Amino acid sequence: MSQLRKDPFGPGWVIISPERGIEPSDFGSVRSRAKVSLLSPGNEHLLGQERQAMRLSGSSMSSPDWQMRIIDMPQALLSPKDFQITETGPFLSATSSGYQELVIEHPDARMTLENMPKEHLRQLIKMYRDRLAFLGSRPGIKHVQLSRNAGSIAGAHYDHPHATLLALPVKNRWLEEELDSASTYYEKNHICLFCDVLKAELKGKERLISHNKHFMAITPYASKTPFETWIFPRQHSSSFCSLAGNVIDDLADLLKTILHSINSVLDYPPYNMVLHTLPNEANDRYHWHIEILPRLTRQAGFDWSTGFYVNPTPPEDAARFLKEALMMQGVTS
């Protein structure tokens, strides 16, 4: 039976409707890539300016022996220039100011995030953190984000492991809705909404997928899409940029575990992965997290006209399937 669920992290509602179901034709699998791509070593001269890289000591900038690198986004929509707003009657426009960068995560175009060697992924997470901290410290920046698209259906422009970094002089709508809800909850209950949710999920366990000492993964109560998965730090933290070095191993482990589980259950679906964080600031009300959104359904007229997301897979069922896949991998936490 269908059920309306209020999203605790925003103003919207979600319809959980298992009767609708998911058809196999609704989605495809992300298949193996070619060994090389435009982003592969040797094509540095064809791409944007290098901003940061990890490569062999003594190597020069833009040399092809890198392990991971950050470049200016080719054909970027934003550029670092003065942010100026123009008001014309009821309409506002502004210069396309900001930073848009491409993280090329591995030299091998066939590599996936979950199959990266543990040390490589650990260094990659550090690079994410350090670059976002730098971008967040630029004058006028109010929002930073990291996003990954796996598969063309999810919006990937390259058949190569990559992520996009964004820094903007305006706030993000979805994050502001989360922050507004969290602030209202904090004023009423004097505790972080996210921390309270994590406490409840750890106790109830029906939407808890896995956890370790420093991080936990759940399927949210009001999941907007099937098998939507969020990863949180267990200790309160409002900014990914303050991620301590001694917890990165746990984040890498859980990220690899969850992606392997999703791939096992859903046969390597296209997905989006987004980081919701505040830029370099402490906040008692907000809690940074990673959202993984498999692309299994399409929004229809009902969704657009009502503003409701219709999710055919209850998050409790999704968590059960993912936990069973983890047990097959020998993961019990």
C-alpha atoms as a PDB file:
ATOM      1  CA  MET A   1       0.000   0.000   0.000  1.00  0.00           C
ATOM      2  CA  SER A   2       1.255   3.478  -0.868  1.00  0.00           C
ATOM      3  CA  GLN A   3       2.307   5.831   1.908  1.00  0.00           C
ATOM      4  CA  LEU A   4       3.043   9.548   2.136  1.00  0.00           C
ATOM      5  CA  ARG A   5       6.255  10.361   4.013  1.00  0.00           C
ATOM      6  CA  LYS A   6       7.440  13.809   5.047  1.00  0.00           C
ATOM      7  CA  ASP A   7      11.105  14.472   4.305  1.00  0.00           C
ATOM      8  CA  PRO A   8      12.683  15.421   7.651  1.00  0.00           C
ATOM      9  CA  PHE A   9      15.425  17.329   5.813  1.00  0.00           C
ATOM     10  CA  GLY A  10      13.186  19.546   3.666  1.00  0.00           C
ATOM     11  CA  PRO A  11       9.659  20.870   3.091  1.00  0.00           C
ATOM     12  CA  GLY A  12       8.599  18.178   0.617  1.00  0.00           C
ATOM     13  CA  TRP A  13       6.750  14.899   0.831  1.00  0.00           C
ATOM     14  CA  VAL A  14       7.492  11.609  -0.910  1.00  0.00           C
ATOM     15  CA  ILE A  15       5.077   8.891  -2.008  1.00  0.00           C
ATOM     16  CA  ILE A  16       6.393   5.398  -1.315  1.00  0.00           C
ATOM     17  CA  SER A  17       4.489   3.261  -3.824  1.00  0.00           C
ATOM     18  CA  PRO A  18       5.673  -0.341  -4.164  1.00  0.00           C
ATOM     19  CA  GLU A  19       2.665  -1.037  -6.411  1.00  0.00           C
ATOM     20  CA  ARG A  20       4.270   0.986  -9.189  1.00  0.00           C
ATOM     21  CA  GLY A  21       7.345  -1.262  -9.306  1.00  0.00           C
ATOM     22  CA  ILE A  22      10.504  -0.935 -11.389  1.00  0.00           C
ATOM     23  CA  GLU A  23      10.651  -2.312 -14.897  1.00  0.00           C
ATOM     24  CA  PRO A  24      13.999  -3.690 -16.104  1.00  0.00           C
ATOM     25  CA  SER A  25      13.673  -1.416 -19.128  1.00  0.00           C
ATOM     26  CA  ASP A  26      13.700   1.626 -16.819  1.00  0.00           C
ATOM     27  CA  PHE A  27      17.459   1.503 -16.450  1.00  0.00           C
ATOM     28  CA  GLY A  28      20.616  -0.001 -17.880  1.00  0.00           C
ATOM     29  CA  SER A  29      23.998  -1.087 -16.636  1.00  0.00           C
ATOM     30  CA  VAL A  30      27.206   0.903 -16.906  1.00  0.00           C
ATOM     31  CA  ARG A  31      29.324  -1.363 -19.072  1.00  0.00           C
ATOM     32  CA  SER A  32      33.096  -1.693 -19.275  1.00  0.00           C
ATOM     33  CA  ARG A  33      34.860   1.201 -20.903  1.00  0.00           C
ATOM     34  CA  ALA A  34      37.674   1.378 -23.419  1.00  0.00           C
ATOM     35  CA  LYS A  35      41.176   1.360 -21.957  1.00  0.00           C
ATOM     36  CA  VAL A  36      41.843   4.983 -22.913  1.00  0.00           C
ATOM     37  CA  SER A  37      39.776   8.147 -23.264  1.00  0.00           C
ATOM     38  CA  LEU A  38      40.224  11.864 -23.850  1.00  0.00           C
ATOM     39  CA  LEU A  39      41.141  12.181 -20.162  1.00  0.00           C
ATOM     40  CA  SER A  40      43.892   9.541 -20.333  1.00  0.00           C
ATOM     41  CA  PRO A  41      47.615  10.336 -19.891  1.00  0.00           C
ATOM     42  CA  GLY A  42      49.136  11.824 -23.029  1.00  0.00           C
ATOM     43  CA  ASN A  43      46.196  14.132 -23.773  1.00  0.00           C
ATOM     44  CA  GLU A  44      47.106  16.824 -21.258  1.00  0.00           C
ATOM     45  CA  HIS A  45      47.646  19.397 -24.024  1.00  0.00           C
ATOM     46  CA  LEU A  46      44.043  18.928 -25.179  1.00  0.00           C
ATOM     47  CA  LEU A  47      42.504  19.743 -21.804  1.00  0.00           C
ATOM     48  CA  GLY A  48      42.213  22.621 -19.332  1.00  0.00           C
ATOM     49  CA  GLN A  49      44.949  24.048 -17.165  1.00  0.00           C
ATOM     50  CA  GLU A  50      46.150  21.784 -14.376  1.00  0.00           C
ATOM     51  CA  ARG A  51      45.395  23.081 -10.876  1.00  0.00           C
ATOM     52  CA  GLN A  52      46.532  20.207  -8.681  1.00  0.00           C
ATOM     53  CA  ALA A  53      47.897  16.702  -9.189  1.00  0.00           C
ATOM     54  CA  MET A  54      49.478  13.727  -7.528  1.00  0.00           C
ATOM     55  CA  ARG A  55      52.369  12.376  -9.585  1.00  0.00           C
ATOM     56  CA  LEU A  56      55.879  11.022  -9.209  1.00  0.00           C
ATOM     57  CA  SER A  57      58.256  13.343  -7.391  1.00  0.00           C
ATOM     58  CA  GLY A  58      60.277  15.482  -9.747  1.00  0.00           C
ATOM     59  CA  SER A  59      57.711  15.355 -12.531  1.00  0.00           C
ATOM     60  CA  SER A  60      56.684  18.606 -14.143  1.00  0.00           C
ATOM     61  CA  MET A  61      53.167  20.020 -14.249  1.00  0.00           C
ATOM     62  CA  SER A  62      51.029  18.522 -17.033  1.00  0.00           C
ATOM     63  CA  SER A  63      53.435  15.628 -17.568  1.00  0.00           C
ATOM     64  CA  PRO A  64      51.635  12.309 -18.292  1.00  0.00           C
ATOM     65  CA  ASP A  65      52.843  10.334 -15.246  1.00  0.00           C
ATOM     66  CA  TRP A  66      50.078  11.522 -12.885  1.00  0.00           C
ATOM     67  CA  GLN A  67      48.011   9.340 -10.571  1.00  0.00           C
ATOM     68  CA  MET A  68      45.145  11.842 -10.255  1.00  0.00           C
ATOM     69  CA  ARG A  69      44.775  15.463 -11.295  1.00  0.00           C
ATOM     70  CA  ILE A  70      42.461  18.477 -11.172  1.00  0.00           C
ATOM     71  CA  ILE A  71      42.060  20.705 -14.217  1.00  0.00           C
ATOM     72  CA  ASP A  72      39.857  23.589 -15.294  1.00  0.00           C
ATOM     73  CA  MET A  73      36.618  22.170 -16.640  1.00  0.00           C
ATOM     74  CA  PRO A  74      36.696  22.104 -20.451  1.00  0.00           C
ATOM     75  CA  GLN A  75      33.962  24.397 -21.802  1.00  0.00           C
ATOM     76  CA  ALA A  76      33.187  25.551 -18.253  1.00  0.00           C
ATOM     77  CA  LEU A  77      29.950  27.388 -17.570  1.00  0.00           C
ATOM     78  CA  LEU A  78      31.591  29.473 -14.840  1.00  0.00           C
ATOM     79  CA  SER A  79      34.802  31.468 -14.535  1.00  0.00           C
ATOM     80  CA  PRO A  80      36.472  33.386 -11.659  1.00  0.00           C
ATOM     81  CA  LYS A  81      35.359  36.981 -12.235  1.00  0.00           C
ATOM     82  CA  ASP A  82      33.605  39.671 -10.261  1.00  0.00           C
ATOM     83  CA  PHE A  83      30.075  38.704  -9.278  1.00  0.00           C
ATOM     84  CA  GLN A  84      27.683  41.437 -10.326  1.00  0.00           C
ATOM     85  CA  ILE A  85      23.903  41.302 -10.016  1.00  0.00           C
ATOM     86  CA  THR A  86      21.638  43.226 -12.368  1.00  0.00           C
ATOM     87  CA  GLU A  87      18.043  43.984 -11.424  1.00  0.00           C
ATOM     88  CA  THR A  88      15.500  44.681 -14.143  1.00  0.00           C
ATOM     89  CA  GLY A  89      12.051  45.117 -12.624  1.00  0.00           C
ATOM     90  CA  PRO A  90      11.116  41.754 -11.050  1.00  0.00           C
ATOM     91  CA  PHE A  91      14.031  39.959 -12.738  1.00  0.00           C
ATOM     92  CA  LEU A  92      17.558  39.365 -11.472  1.00  0.00           C
ATOM     93  CA  SER A  93      20.543  38.240 -13.500  1.00  0.00           C
ATOM     94  CA  ALA A  94      24.223  37.972 -12.674  1.00  0.00           C
ATOM     95  CA  THR A  95      27.617  37.310 -14.168  1.00  0.00           C
ATOM     96  CA  SER A  96      28.474  33.602 -14.429  1.00  0.00           C
ATOM     97  CA  SER A  97      31.059  33.824 -11.661  1.00  0.00           C
ATOM     98  CA  GLY A  98      32.563  30.859  -9.846  1.00  0.00           C
ATOM     99  CA  TYR A  99      34.917  27.918 -10.192  1.00  0.00           C
ATOM    100  CA  GLN A 100      34.239  24.725 -12.123  1.00  0.00           C
ATOM    101  CA  GLU A 101      36.936  22.059 -12.119  1.00  0.00           C
ATOM    102  CA  LEU A 102      37.317  18.477 -13.275  1.00  0.00           C
ATOM    103  CA  VAL A 103      38.905  15.800 -11.097  1.00  0.00           C
ATOM    104  CA  ILE A 104      40.424  13.024 -13.215  1.00  0.00           C
ATOM    105  CA  GLU A 105      40.489  10.306 -10.597  1.00  0.00           C
ATOM    106  CA  HIS A 106      42.717   7.630 -12.131  1.00  0.00           C
ATOM    107  CA  PRO A 107      44.910   7.182 -15.238  1.00  0.00           C
ATOM    108  CA  ASP A 108      43.017   4.024 -16.286  1.00  0.00           C
ATOM    109  CA  ALA A 109      39.746   4.844 -18.042  1.00  0.00           C
ATOM    110  CA  ARG A 110      38.324   1.462 -17.021  1.00  0.00           C
ATOM    111  CA  MET A 111      38.809   2.027 -13.279  1.00  0.00           C
ATOM    112  CA  THR A 112      35.782   2.568 -11.045  1.00  0.00           C
ATOM    113  CA  LEU A 113      35.637   4.229  -7.653  1.00  0.00           C
ATOM    114  CA  GLU A 114      34.802   1.029  -5.794  1.00  0.00           C
ATOM    115  CA  ASN A 115      37.649  -0.915  -7.440  1.00  0.00           C
ATOM    116  CA  MET A 116      40.380   1.632  -6.819  1.00  0.00           C
ATOM    117  CA  PRO A 117      43.207   0.447  -4.545  1.00  0.00           C
ATOM    118  CA  LYS A 118      42.519   1.537  -0.983  1.00  0.00           C
ATOM    119  CA  GLU A 119      45.525   3.877  -0.815  1.00  0.00           C
ATOM    120  CA  HIS A 120      44.583   5.517  -4.127  1.00  0.00           C
ATOM    121  CA  LEU A 121      41.033   6.170  -2.930  1.00  0.00           C
ATOM    122  CA  ARG A 122      42.360   7.520   0.360  1.00  0.00           C
ATOM    123  CA  GLN A 123      44.572  10.002  -1.492  1.00  0.00           C
ATOM    124  CA  LEU A 124      41.672  10.919  -3.774  1.00  0.00           C
ATOM    125  CA  ILE A 125      39.420  11.741  -0.817  1.00  0.00           C
ATOM    126  CA  LYS A 126      42.195  13.923   0.601  1.00  0.00           C
ATOM    127  CA  MET A 127      42.462  15.713  -2.742  1.00  0.00           C
ATOM    128  CA  TYR A 128      38.680  16.299  -2.773  1.00  0.00           C
ATOM    129  CA  ARG A 129      38.872  17.726   0.748  1.00  0.00           C
ATOM    130  CA  ASP A 130      41.868  19.969   0.178  1.00  0.00           C
ATOM    131  CA  ARG A 131      40.652  21.411  -3.115  1.00  0.00           C
ATOM    132  CA  LEU A 132      37.154  22.106  -1.796  1.00  0.00           C
ATOM    133  CA  ALA A 133      38.701  23.821   1.233  1.00  0.00           C
ATOM    134  CA  PHE A 134      40.784  26.004  -1.077  1.00  0.00           C
ATOM    135  CA  LEU A 135      37.831  26.886  -3.314  1.00  0.00           C
ATOM    136  CA  GLY A 136      35.639  27.567  -0.292  1.00  0.00           C
ATOM    137  CA  SER A 137      38.190  30.081   0.979  1.00  0.00           C
ATOM    138  CA  ARG A 138      38.006  32.194  -2.194  1.00  0.00           C
ATOM    139  CA  PRO A 139      36.434  35.644  -1.719  1.00  0.00           C
ATOM    140  CA  GLY A 140      32.666  35.703  -2.128  1.00  0.00           C
ATOM    141  CA  ILE A 141      32.159  31.926  -2.324  1.00  0.00           C
ATOM    142  CA  LYS A 142      28.986  30.762  -0.534  1.00  0.00           C
ATOM    143  CA  HIS A 143      28.623  27.193  -1.804  1.00  0.00           C
ATOM    144  CA  VAL A 144      30.972  24.352  -2.743  1.00  0.00           C
ATOM    145  CA  GLN A 145      30.079  20.903  -3.988  1.00  0.00           C
ATOM    146  CA  LEU A 146      31.454  17.705  -5.423  1.00  0.00           C
ATOM    147  CA  SER A 147      29.463  15.514  -7.789  1.00  0.00           C
ATOM    148  CA  ARG A 148      30.114  12.310  -9.726  1.00  0.00           C
ATOM    149  CA  ASN A 149      28.106  10.944 -12.629  1.00  0.00           C
ATOM    150  CA  ALA A 150      28.540   7.259 -13.499  1.00  0.00           C
ATOM    151  CA  GLY A 151      27.173   6.371 -16.928  1.00  0.00           C
ATOM    152  CA  SER A 152      25.786   8.550 -19.700  1.00  0.00           C
ATOM    153  CA  ILE A 153      22.222   8.170 -18.392  1.00  0.00           C
ATOM    154  CA  ALA A 154      23.412   9.820 -15.178  1.00  0.00           C
ATOM    155  CA  GLY A 155      24.972  12.682 -17.146  1.00  0.00           C
ATOM    156  CA  ALA A 156      28.599  11.556 -17.437  1.00  0.00           C
ATOM    157  CA  HIS A 157      30.427  13.449 -20.209  1.00  0.00           C
ATOM    158  CA  TYR A 158      33.477  11.178 -20.217  1.00  0.00           C
ATOM    159  CA  ASP A 159      34.017   7.407 -20.185  1.00  0.00           C
ATOM    160  CA  HIS A 160      36.660   7.809 -17.511  1.00  0.00           C
ATOM    161  CA  PRO A 161      36.459   8.028 -13.693  1.00  0.00           C
ATOM    162  CA  HIS A 162      35.981  11.685 -12.869  1.00  0.00           C
ATOM    163  CA  ALA A 163      34.226  14.145 -10.570  1.00  0.00           C
ATOM    164  CA  THR A 164      33.234  17.791 -10.814  1.00  0.00           C
ATOM    165  CA  LEU A 165      34.060  20.482  -8.255  1.00  0.00           C
ATOM    166  CA  LEU A 166      31.940  23.604  -8.112  1.00  0.00           C
ATOM    167  CA  ALA A 167      32.259  26.813  -6.102  1.00  0.00           C
ATOM    168  CA  LEU A 168      29.609  29.528  -6.401  1.00  0.00           C
ATOM    169  CA  PRO A 169      28.878  33.007  -5.020  1.00  0.00           C
ATOM    170  CA  VAL A 170      25.224  32.002  -4.493  1.00  0.00           C
ATOM    171  CA  LYS A 171      23.682  29.445  -2.175  1.00  0.00           C
ATOM    172  CA  ASN A 172      22.391  26.024  -3.210  1.00  0.00           C
ATOM    173  CA  ARG A 173      18.628  25.531  -3.057  1.00  0.00           C
ATOM    174  CA  TRP A 174      18.646  21.922  -1.830  1.00  0.00           C
ATOM    175  CA  LEU A 175      21.281  22.509   0.812  1.00  0.00           C
ATOM    176  CA  GLU A 176      19.473  25.626   2.038  1.00  0.00           C
ATOM    177  CA  GLU A 177      16.258  23.621   2.423  1.00  0.00           C
ATOM    178  CA  GLU A 178      18.166  21.080   4.509  1.00  0.00           C
ATOM    179  CA  LEU A 179      19.744  23.838   6.581  1.00  0.00           C
ATOM    180  CA  ASP A 180      16.391  25.575   7.137  1.00  0.00           C
ATOM    181  CA  SER A 181      14.793  22.331   8.336  1.00  0.00           C
ATOM    182  CA  ALA A 182      17.789  21.564  10.536  1.00  0.00           C
ATOM    183  CA  SER A 183      17.757  25.071  12.028  1.00  0.00           C
ATOM    184  CA  THR A 184      14.050  24.846  12.861  1.00  0.00           C
ATOM    185  CA  TYR A 185      14.607  21.460  14.508  1.00  0.00           C
ATOM    186  CA  TYR A 186      17.606  22.764  16.449  1.00  0.00           C
ATOM    187  CA  GLU A 187      15.685  25.762  17.800  1.00  0.00           C
ATOM    188  CA  LYS A 188      12.933  23.436  19.025  1.00  0.00           C
ATOM    189  CA  ASN A 189      14.978  20.479  20.303  1.00  0.00           C
ATOM    190  CA  HIS A 190      18.474  21.944  20.891  1.00  0.00           C
ATOM    191  CA  ILE A 191      20.134  19.126  18.955  1.00  0.00           C
ATOM    192  CA  CYS A 192      21.273  18.556  15.377  1.00  0.00           C
ATOM    193  CA  LEU A 193      18.464  17.043  13.272  1.00  0.00           C
ATOM    194  CA  PHE A 194      20.929  14.866  11.365  1.00  0.00           C
ATOM    195  CA  CYS A 195      22.517  13.554  14.581  1.00  0.00           C
ATOM    196  CA  ASP A 196      19.067  12.716  15.953  1.00  0.00           C
ATOM    197  CA  VAL A 197      18.135  10.866  12.758  1.00  0.00           C
ATOM    198  CA  LEU A 198      21.381   8.887  12.861  1.00  0.00           C
ATOM    199  CA  LYS A 199      20.732   7.951  16.487  1.00  0.00           C
ATOM    200  CA  ALA A 200      17.237   6.709  15.578  1.00  0.00           C
ATOM    201  CA  GLU A 201      18.455   4.799  12.515  1.00  0.00           C
ATOM    202  CA  LEU A 202      21.253   3.135  14.481  1.00  0.00           C
ATOM    203  CA  LYS A 203      18.711   2.042  17.103  1.00  0.00           C
ATOM    204  CA  GLY A 204      15.986   0.928  14.670  1.00  0.00           C
ATOM    205  CA  LYS A 205      18.335  -0.655  12.100  1.00  0.00           C
ATOM    206  CA  GLU A 206      15.652  -1.248   9.426  1.00  0.00           C
ATOM    207  CA  ARG A 207      17.129   1.451   7.153  1.00  0.00           C
ATOM    208  CA  LEU A 208      20.717   1.059   8.359  1.00  0.00           C
ATOM    209  CA  ILE A 209      22.870  -0.566   5.667  1.00  0.00           C
ATOM    210  CA  SER A 210      26.310  -0.587   7.263  1.00  0.00           C
ATOM    211  CA  HIS A 211      28.510   1.363   9.651  1.00  0.00           C
ATOM    212  CA  ASN A 212      32.006   1.481  11.067  1.00  0.00           C
ATOM    213  CA  LYS A 213      33.665   3.494  13.815  1.00  0.00           C
ATOM    214  CA  HIS A 214      33.393   6.870  12.083  1.00  0.00           C
ATOM    215  CA  PHE A 215      30.715   6.602   9.343  1.00  0.00           C
ATOM    216  CA  MET A 216      27.329   5.041   8.656  1.00  0.00           C
ATOM    217  CA  ALA A 217      25.197   4.455   5.567  1.00  0.00           C
ATOM    218  CA  ILE A 218      21.386   4.465   5.495  1.00  0.00           C
ATOM    219  CA  THR A 219      18.520   4.488   3.039  1.00  0.00           C
ATOM    220  CA  PRO A 220      16.695   7.724   4.045  1.00  0.00           C
ATOM    221  CA  TYR A 221      13.201   7.477   5.556  1.00  0.00           C
ATOM    222  CA  ALA A 222      11.731   9.610   2.752  1.00  0.00           C
ATOM    223  CA  SER A 223      13.972   8.356  -0.060  1.00  0.00           C
ATOM    224  CA  LYS A 224      13.152  10.204  -3.265  1.00  0.00           C
ATOM    225  CA  THR A 225      14.511   7.480  -5.544  1.00  0.00           C
ATOM    226  CA  PRO A 226      14.886   3.676  -5.277  1.00  0.00           C
ATOM    227  CA  PHE A 227      17.992   2.571  -3.354  1.00  0.00           C
ATOM    228  CA  GLU A 228      18.956   6.156  -2.509  1.00  0.00           C
ATOM    229  CA  THR A 229      21.790   5.894   0.011  1.00  0.00           C
ATOM    230  CA  TRP A 230      23.314   8.515   2.310  1.00  0.00           C
ATOM    231  CA  ILE A 231      26.680   8.283   4.049  1.00  0.00           C
ATOM    232  CA  PHE A 232      27.214  10.387   7.196  1.00  0.00           C
ATOM    233  CA  PRO A 233      30.072  10.991   9.616  1.00  0.00           C
ATOM    234  CA  ARG A 234      28.886   9.643  12.974  1.00  0.00           C
ATOM    235  CA  GLN A 235      30.437  12.580  14.823  1.00  0.00           C
ATOM    236  CA  HIS A 236      28.813  15.937  14.132  1.00  0.00           C
ATOM    237  CA  SER A 237      30.582  17.944  11.420  1.00  0.00           C
ATOM    238  CA  SER A 238      29.145  20.598   9.131  1.00  0.00           C
ATOM    239  CA  SER A 239      31.966  20.726   6.584  1.00  0.00           C
ATOM    240  CA  PHE A 240      33.643  17.956   4.615  1.00  0.00           C
ATOM    241  CA  CYS A 241      36.615  20.312   4.406  1.00  0.00           C
ATOM    242  CA  SER A 242      37.363  19.647   8.075  1.00  0.00           C
ATOM    243  CA  LEU A 243      37.574  15.872   7.522  1.00  0.00           C
ATOM    244  CA  ALA A 244      40.332  14.529   9.782  1.00  0.00           C
ATOM    245  CA  GLY A 245      43.067  12.463   8.194  1.00  0.00           C
ATOM    246  CA  ASN A 246      42.670   9.616  10.674  1.00  0.00           C
ATOM    247  CA  VAL A 247      39.072   8.869   9.594  1.00  0.00           C
ATOM    248  CA  ILE A 248      39.601   8.855   5.821  1.00  0.00           C
ATOM    249  CA  ASP A 249      40.314   5.109   5.792  1.00  0.00           C
ATOM    250  CA  ASP A 250      36.886   4.419   7.301  1.00  0.00           C
ATOM    251  CA  LEU A 251      35.181   6.642   4.727  1.00  0.00           C
ATOM    252  CA  ALA A 252      37.036   4.917   1.882  1.00  0.00           C
ATOM    253  CA  ASP A 253      36.086   1.490   3.248  1.00  0.00           C
ATOM    254  CA  LEU A 254      32.403   2.309   3.595  1.00  0.00           C
ATOM    255  CA  LEU A 255      32.208   4.025   0.213  1.00  0.00           C
ATOM    256  CA  LYS A 256      33.736   1.001  -1.527  1.00  0.00           C
ATOM    257  CA  THR A 257      31.464  -1.368   0.419  1.00  0.00           C
ATOM    258  CA  ILE A 258      28.260   0.514  -0.420  1.00  0.00           C
ATOM    259  CA  LEU A 259      29.067   0.866  -4.130  1.00  0.00           C
ATOM    260  CA  HIS A 260      29.925  -2.843  -4.374  1.00  0.00           C
ATOM    261  CA  SER A 261      26.600  -3.644  -2.707  1.00  0.00           C
ATOM    262  CA  ILE A 262      24.609  -1.385  -5.059  1.00  0.00           C
ATOM    263  CA  ASN A 263      26.356  -2.912  -8.068  1.00  0.00           C
ATOM    264  CA  SER A 264      25.662  -6.420  -6.810  1.00  0.00           C
ATOM    265  CA  VAL A 265      21.942  -5.796  -6.281  1.00  0.00           C
ATOM    266  CA  LEU A 266      21.271  -3.553  -9.287  1.00  0.00           C
ATOM    267  CA  ASP A 267      23.814  -4.847 -11.850  1.00  0.00           C
ATOM    268  CA  TYR A 268      26.055  -1.763 -12.083  1.00  0.00           C
ATOM    269  CA  PRO A 269      23.410   0.950 -12.481  1.00  0.00           C
ATOM    270  CA  PRO A 270      24.146   4.481 -13.619  1.00  0.00           C
ATOM    271  CA  TYR A 271      24.218   6.727 -10.571  1.00  0.00           C
ATOM    272  CA  ASN A 272      24.880  10.219  -9.294  1.00  0.00           C
ATOM    273  CA  MET A 273      26.928  10.855  -6.182  1.00  0.00           C
ATOM    274  CA  VAL A 274      26.777  14.293  -4.585  1.00  0.00           C
ATOM    275  CA  LEU A 275      28.374  15.841  -1.531  1.00  0.00           C
ATOM    276  CA  HIS A 276      26.302  18.212   0.597  1.00  0.00           C
ATOM    277  CA  THR A 277      28.560  20.353   2.762  1.00  0.00           C
ATOM    278  CA  LEU A 278      29.052  23.856   4.083  1.00  0.00           C
ATOM    279  CA  PRO A 279      32.216  25.637   2.897  1.00  0.00           C
ATOM    280  CA  ASN A 280      34.831  25.834   5.643  1.00  0.00           C
ATOM    281  CA  GLU A 281      32.619  26.823   8.547  1.00  0.00           C
ATOM    282  CA  ALA A 282      31.441  25.300  11.810  1.00  0.00           C
ATOM    283  CA  ASN A 283      27.690  25.017  12.274  1.00  0.00           C
ATOM    284  CA  ASP A 284      25.826  23.286  15.120  1.00  0.00           C
ATOM    285  CA  ARG A 285      22.782  22.712  12.925  1.00  0.00           C
ATOM    286  CA  TYR A 286      24.137  21.198   9.706  1.00  0.00           C
ATOM    287  CA  HIS A 287      25.772  17.802   9.080  1.00  0.00           C
ATOM    288  CA  TRP A 288      27.663  17.072   5.856  1.00  0.00           C
ATOM    289  CA  HIS A 289      26.860  13.880   3.986  1.00  0.00           C
ATOM    290  CA  ILE A 290      27.244  12.031   0.695  1.00  0.00           C
ATOM    291  CA  GLU A 291      24.160  11.075  -1.322  1.00  0.00           C
ATOM    292  CA  ILE A 292      24.281   8.184  -3.820  1.00  0.00           C
ATOM    293  CA  LEU A 293      21.345   8.150  -6.227  1.00  0.00           C
ATOM    294  CA  PRO A 294      21.020   5.176  -8.613  1.00  0.00           C
ATOM    295  CA  ARG A 295      19.195   6.218 -11.795  1.00  0.00           C
ATOM    296  CA  LEU A 296      16.429   3.622 -11.892  1.00  0.00           C
ATOM    297  CA  THR A 297      13.281   5.617 -12.607  1.00  0.00           C
ATOM    298  CA  ARG A 298      12.144   8.641 -14.584  1.00  0.00           C
ATOM    299  CA  GLN A 299      10.027  11.523 -13.357  1.00  0.00           C
ATOM    300  CA  ALA A 300       6.608  11.742 -14.992  1.00  0.00           C
ATOM    301  CA  GLY A 301       3.972  14.453 -15.253  1.00  0.00           C
ATOM    302  CA  PHE A 302       2.536  13.488 -11.864  1.00  0.00           C
ATOM    303  CA  ASP A 303       5.900  14.115 -10.189  1.00  0.00           C
ATOM    304  CA  TRP A 304       6.418  17.466 -11.900  1.00  0.00           C
ATOM    305  CA  SER A 305       2.864  18.718 -11.365  1.00  0.00           C
ATOM    306  CA  THR A 306       2.532  17.717  -7.700  1.00  0.00           C
ATOM    307  CA  GLY A 307       6.099  18.266  -6.557  1.00  0.00           C
ATOM    308  CA  PHE A 308       6.100  14.752  -5.076  1.00  0.00           C
ATOM    309  CA  TYR A 309       8.754  12.173  -5.796  1.00  0.00           C
ATOM    310  CA  VAL A 310       7.193   8.736  -6.257  1.00  0.00           C
ATOM    311  CA  ASN A 311       9.505   5.977  -5.056  1.00  0.00           C
ATOM    312  CA  PRO A 312       8.471   2.402  -5.948  1.00  0.00           C
ATOM    313  CA  THR A 313      10.982   0.818  -3.537  1.00  0.00           C
ATOM    314  CA  PRO A 314      10.448   1.341   0.202  1.00  0.00           C
ATOM    315  CA  PRO A 315      13.795   2.270   1.768  1.00  0.00           C
ATOM    316  CA  GLU A 316      13.364  -0.568   4.276  1.00  0.00           C
ATOM    317  CA  ASP A 317      13.300  -3.061   1.378  1.00  0.00           C
ATOM    318  CA  ALA A 318      16.271  -1.372  -0.296  1.00  0.00           C
ATOM    319  CA  ALA A 319      18.296  -1.537   2.924  1.00  0.00           C
ATOM    320  CA  ARG A 320      17.453  -5.228   3.336  1.00  0.00           C
ATOM    321  CA  PHE A 321      18.576  -6.073  -0.190  1.00  0.00           C
ATOM    322  CA  LEU A 322      21.797  -4.104   0.216  1.00  0.00           C
ATOM    323  CA  LYS A 323      22.541  -5.725   3.584  1.00  0.00           C
ATOM    324  CA  GLU A 324      22.028  -9.164   2.063  1.00  0.00           C
ATOM    325  CA  ALA A 325      24.508  -8.273  -0.659  1.00  0.00           C
ATOM    326  CA  LEU A 326      26.980  -7.164   2.011  1.00  0.00           C
ATOM    327  CA  MET A 327      26.589 -10.490   3.799  1.00  0.00           C
ATOM    328  CA  MET A 328      27.473 -12.208   0.517  1.00  0.00           C
ATOM    329  CA  GLN A 329      30.639 -10.074   0.532  1.00  0.00           C
ATOM    330  CA  GLY A 330      31.363 -11.153   4.099  1.00  0.00           C
ATOM    331  CA  VAL A 331      30.542  -7.705   5.548  1.00  0.00           C
ATOM    332  CA  THR A 332      28.431  -7.958   8.700  1.00  0.00           C
ATOM    333  CA  SER A 333      28.415  -4.444  10.162  1.00  0.00           C
END
